[in-house]
C-alpha cells in the first residue's frame, strides 16, 4: 500500500471510532454486541428434537420427503417417456 491509502484507511478508522463513541454516549444506544450475544444464546437453546404436532422438526422432515418425492416423479417421467399418472396406471 502506498502512504495515501494508509492515510485514508486510518482516517476512516478514526471516523468510525468517533461515531461509535458518540453512539455509546447516547442514552438510547443499544450495544450491538450485547444484542448479538442474546441472539446466539437463544439459537443455542433451540434444539432439533421431535415433538408431536406442528413443530419445526416435523416441517423440515416433511419438506425433505416432499422434495424427494417430486424428484422421483420427474425421474420416472424422464426415464419412462410417459406421464406419471399413466405410468402408475391411474389414467
Protein backbone atom coordinates (compact mmCIF):
# COMPACT_ATOMS: atom_id res chain seq x y z
CA UNK A 1 0.00 0.00 0.00
CA UNK A 2 1.09 3.50 -0.52
CA UNK A 3 1.03 6.23 2.09
CA UNK A 4 -2.16 7.83 0.70
CA UNK A 5 -4.10 4.58 1.08
CA UNK A 6 -2.78 4.10 4.60
CA UNK A 7 -3.73 7.67 5.46
CA UNK A 8 -7.28 7.30 4.11
CA UNK A 9 -7.68 3.95 5.90
CA UNK A 10 -6.57 5.50 9.18
CA UNK A 11 -8.92 8.45 8.62
CA UNK A 12 -11.83 6.07 8.04
CA UNK A 13 -10.91 4.14 11.18
CA UNK A 14 -10.75 7.38 13.18
CA UNK A 15 -14.15 8.45 11.88
CA UNK A 16 -15.65 5.07 12.75
CA UNK A 17 -14.20 5.26 16.25
CA UNK A 18 -15.59 8.76 16.77
CA UNK A 19 -19.05 7.74 15.56
CA UNK A 20 -19.06 4.68 17.82
CA UNK A 21 -18.09 6.84 20.81
CA UNK A 22 -20.97 9.22 20.03
CA UNK A 23 -23.38 6.29 19.77
CA UNK A 24 -22.25 4.90 23.11
CA UNK A 25 -22.71 8.28 24.77
CA UNK A 26 -26.30 8.42 23.51
CA UNK A 27 -28.74 7.17 26.16
CA UNK A 28 -30.89 5.29 23.63
CA UNK A 29 -27.96 3.37 22.11
CA UNK A 30 -28.18 -0.40 22.35
CA UNK A 31 -24.87 -2.17 22.24
CA UNK A 32 -24.84 -4.35 19.11
CA UNK A 33 -22.55 -6.92 20.67
CA UNK A 34 -24.93 -7.44 23.57
CA UNK A 35 -27.82 -7.92 21.16
CA UNK A 36 -25.76 -10.41 19.11
CA UNK A 37 -24.84 -12.34 22.25
CA UNK A 38 -28.51 -12.62 23.23
CA UNK A 39 -29.38 -13.95 19.76
CA UNK A 40 -26.59 -16.52 19.99
CA UNK A 41 -27.85 -17.67 23.38
CA UNK A 42 -31.37 -18.11 22.01
CA UNK A 43 -30.15 -20.05 18.99
CA UNK A 44 -28.16 -22.37 21.23
CA UNK A 45 -31.29 -23.15 23.26
CA UNK A 46 -33.23 -24.29 20.17
CA UNK A 47 -32.63 -27.98 19.51
CA UNK A 48 -33.87 -30.24 16.75
CA UNK A 49 -35.96 -32.66 18.74
CA UNK A 50 -39.06 -34.48 17.59
CA UNK A 51 -42.24 -33.09 19.05
CA UNK A 52 -45.73 -34.27 18.26
CA UNK A 53 -47.71 -31.83 16.13
CA UNK A 54 -46.72 -28.74 14.18
CA UNK A 55 -43.09 -28.33 15.03
CA UNK A 56 -40.01 -27.06 13.24
CA UNK A 57 -38.51 -30.55 13.05
CA UNK A 58 -41.70 -32.03 11.58
CA UNK A 59 -41.99 -29.32 8.94
CA UNK A 60 -38.37 -29.73 7.82
CA UNK A 61 -38.72 -33.52 7.62
CA UNK A 62 -41.99 -33.27 5.67
CA UNK A 63 -40.44 -30.77 3.26
CA UNK A 64 -37.46 -33.02 2.61
CA UNK A 65 -39.65 -36.03 1.85
CA UNK A 66 -41.78 -33.88 -0.46
CA UNK A 67 -38.67 -32.84 -2.39
CA UNK A 68 -37.55 -36.47 -2.70
CA UNK A 69 -41.00 -37.48 -3.99
CA UNK A 70 -41.10 -34.64 -6.51
CA UNK A 71 -37.68 -35.57 -7.89
CA UNK A 72 -38.76 -39.24 -8.07
CA UNK A 73 -41.81 -38.30 -10.17
CA UNK A 74 -39.67 -36.22 -12.52
CA UNK A 75 -37.16 -39.07 -12.93
CA UNK A 76 -39.95 -41.59 -13.62
CA UNK A 77 -41.37 -39.32 -16.33
CA UNK A 78 -37.93 -38.79 -17.89
CA UNK A 79 -36.98 -42.47 -18.00
CA UNK A 80 -40.37 -43.94 -18.96
CA UNK A 81 -41.19 -41.23 -21.56
CA UNK A 82 -44.79 -41.05 -20.31
CA UNK A 83 -46.64 -39.13 -17.65
CA UNK A 84 -46.52 -40.31 -14.06
CA UNK A 85 -50.26 -40.84 -13.92
CA UNK A 86 -50.14 -43.07 -17.00
CA UNK A 87 -47.11 -44.93 -15.66
CA UNK A 88 -48.86 -45.53 -12.31
CA UNK A 89 -52.00 -46.81 -14.10
CA UNK A 90 -54.23 -44.03 -12.84
CA UNK A 91 -55.09 -42.81 -16.34
